[in-house]
Amino acid sequence: MLGGDWTDGTMTDFKWRHFQGDVILWAVRWY
């Protein structure tokens, strides 16, 4: 990515946290 490691790392972390939140909500909903 042209944005550099800092930008790529931040976006990856943000997406991962959002993904974890969706998984937790799904697990609680169907538990």
N, C-alpha and C. Protein backbone atom coordinates (compact mmCIF):
# COMPACT_ATOMS: atom_id res chain seq x y z
N MET A 1 0.83 -1.20 0.00
CA MET A 1 0.00 0.00 0.00
C MET A 1 0.86 1.25 0.00
N LEU A 2 0.43 2.25 -0.75
CA LEU A 2 1.20 3.49 -0.82
C LEU A 2 1.08 4.28 0.47
N GLY A 3 0.06 3.98 1.28
CA GLY A 3 -0.14 4.72 2.53
C GLY A 3 0.94 4.43 3.55
N GLY A 4 1.64 3.32 3.39
CA GLY A 4 2.69 3.00 4.35
C GLY A 4 2.21 2.02 5.40
N ASP A 5 3.15 1.54 6.21
CA ASP A 5 2.82 0.54 7.22
C ASP A 5 1.86 1.08 8.27
N TRP A 6 2.02 2.38 8.61
CA TRP A 6 1.17 2.95 9.67
C TRP A 6 -0.30 2.92 9.24
N THR A 7 -0.57 3.37 8.00
CA THR A 7 -1.95 3.41 7.51
C THR A 7 -2.49 1.99 7.37
N ASP A 8 -1.71 1.10 6.80
CA ASP A 8 -2.15 -0.27 6.58
C ASP A 8 -2.43 -0.95 7.93
N GLY A 9 -1.54 -0.74 8.88
CA GLY A 9 -1.72 -1.36 10.20
C GLY A 9 -2.96 -0.84 10.89
N THR A 10 -3.22 0.46 10.77
CA THR A 10 -4.38 1.04 11.44
C THR A 10 -5.66 0.50 10.81
N MET A 11 -5.72 0.44 9.50
CA MET A 11 -6.92 -0.06 8.83
C MET A 11 -7.15 -1.52 9.16
N THR A 12 -6.08 -2.31 9.20
CA THR A 12 -6.22 -3.74 9.51
C THR A 12 -6.74 -3.91 10.91
N ASP A 13 -6.21 -3.15 11.86
CA ASP A 13 -6.65 -3.24 13.25
C ASP A 13 -8.11 -2.84 13.37
N PHE A 14 -8.50 -1.77 12.67
CA PHE A 14 -9.88 -1.29 12.72
C PHE A 14 -10.83 -2.35 12.16
N LYS A 15 -10.48 -2.93 11.01
CA LYS A 15 -11.33 -3.95 10.40
C LYS A 15 -11.41 -5.17 11.30
N TRP A 16 -10.28 -5.55 11.91
CA TRP A 16 -10.27 -6.74 12.77
C TRP A 16 -11.17 -6.52 13.98
N ARG A 17 -11.10 -5.33 14.60
CA ARG A 17 -11.94 -5.04 15.77
C ARG A 17 -13.41 -5.07 15.38
N HIS A 18 -13.73 -4.49 14.22
CA HIS A 18 -15.11 -4.48 13.75
C HIS A 18 -15.59 -5.91 13.50
N PHE A 19 -14.70 -6.73 12.92
CA PHE A 19 -15.03 -8.12 12.65
C PHE A 19 -15.29 -8.87 13.95
N GLN A 20 -14.45 -8.65 14.95
CA GLN A 20 -14.64 -9.30 16.25
C GLN A 20 -15.98 -8.90 16.85
N GLY A 21 -16.33 -7.62 16.74
CA GLY A 21 -17.60 -7.15 17.29
C GLY A 21 -18.77 -7.85 16.62
N ASP A 22 -18.71 -8.02 15.29
CA ASP A 22 -19.79 -8.70 14.58
C ASP A 22 -19.90 -10.14 15.03
N VAL A 23 -18.76 -10.81 15.21
CA VAL A 23 -18.76 -12.21 15.63
C VAL A 23 -19.36 -12.35 17.02
N ILE A 24 -18.99 -11.43 17.92
CA ILE A 24 -19.52 -11.48 19.29
C ILE A 24 -21.03 -11.29 19.27
N LEU A 25 -21.52 -10.31 18.51
CA LEU A 25 -22.96 -10.07 18.44
C LEU A 25 -23.68 -11.28 17.86
N TRP A 26 -23.11 -11.89 16.83
CA TRP A 26 -23.71 -13.07 16.22
C TRP A 26 -23.75 -14.23 17.21
N ALA A 27 -22.66 -14.44 17.94
CA ALA A 27 -22.58 -15.53 18.91
C ALA A 27 -23.61 -15.34 20.02
N VAL A 28 -23.72 -14.12 20.53
CA VAL A 28 -24.68 -13.85 21.60
C VAL A 28 -26.11 -14.04 21.10
N ARG A 29 -26.36 -13.62 19.88
CA ARG A 29 -27.72 -13.70 19.33
C ARG A 29 -28.18 -15.15 19.18
N TRP A 30 -27.26 -16.03 18.77
CA TRP A 30 -27.64 -17.41 18.48
C TRP A 30 -27.24 -18.38 19.58
N TYR A 31 -26.67 -17.88 20.67
CA TYR A 31 -26.20 -18.78 21.72
C TYR A 31 -27.38 -19.43 22.43
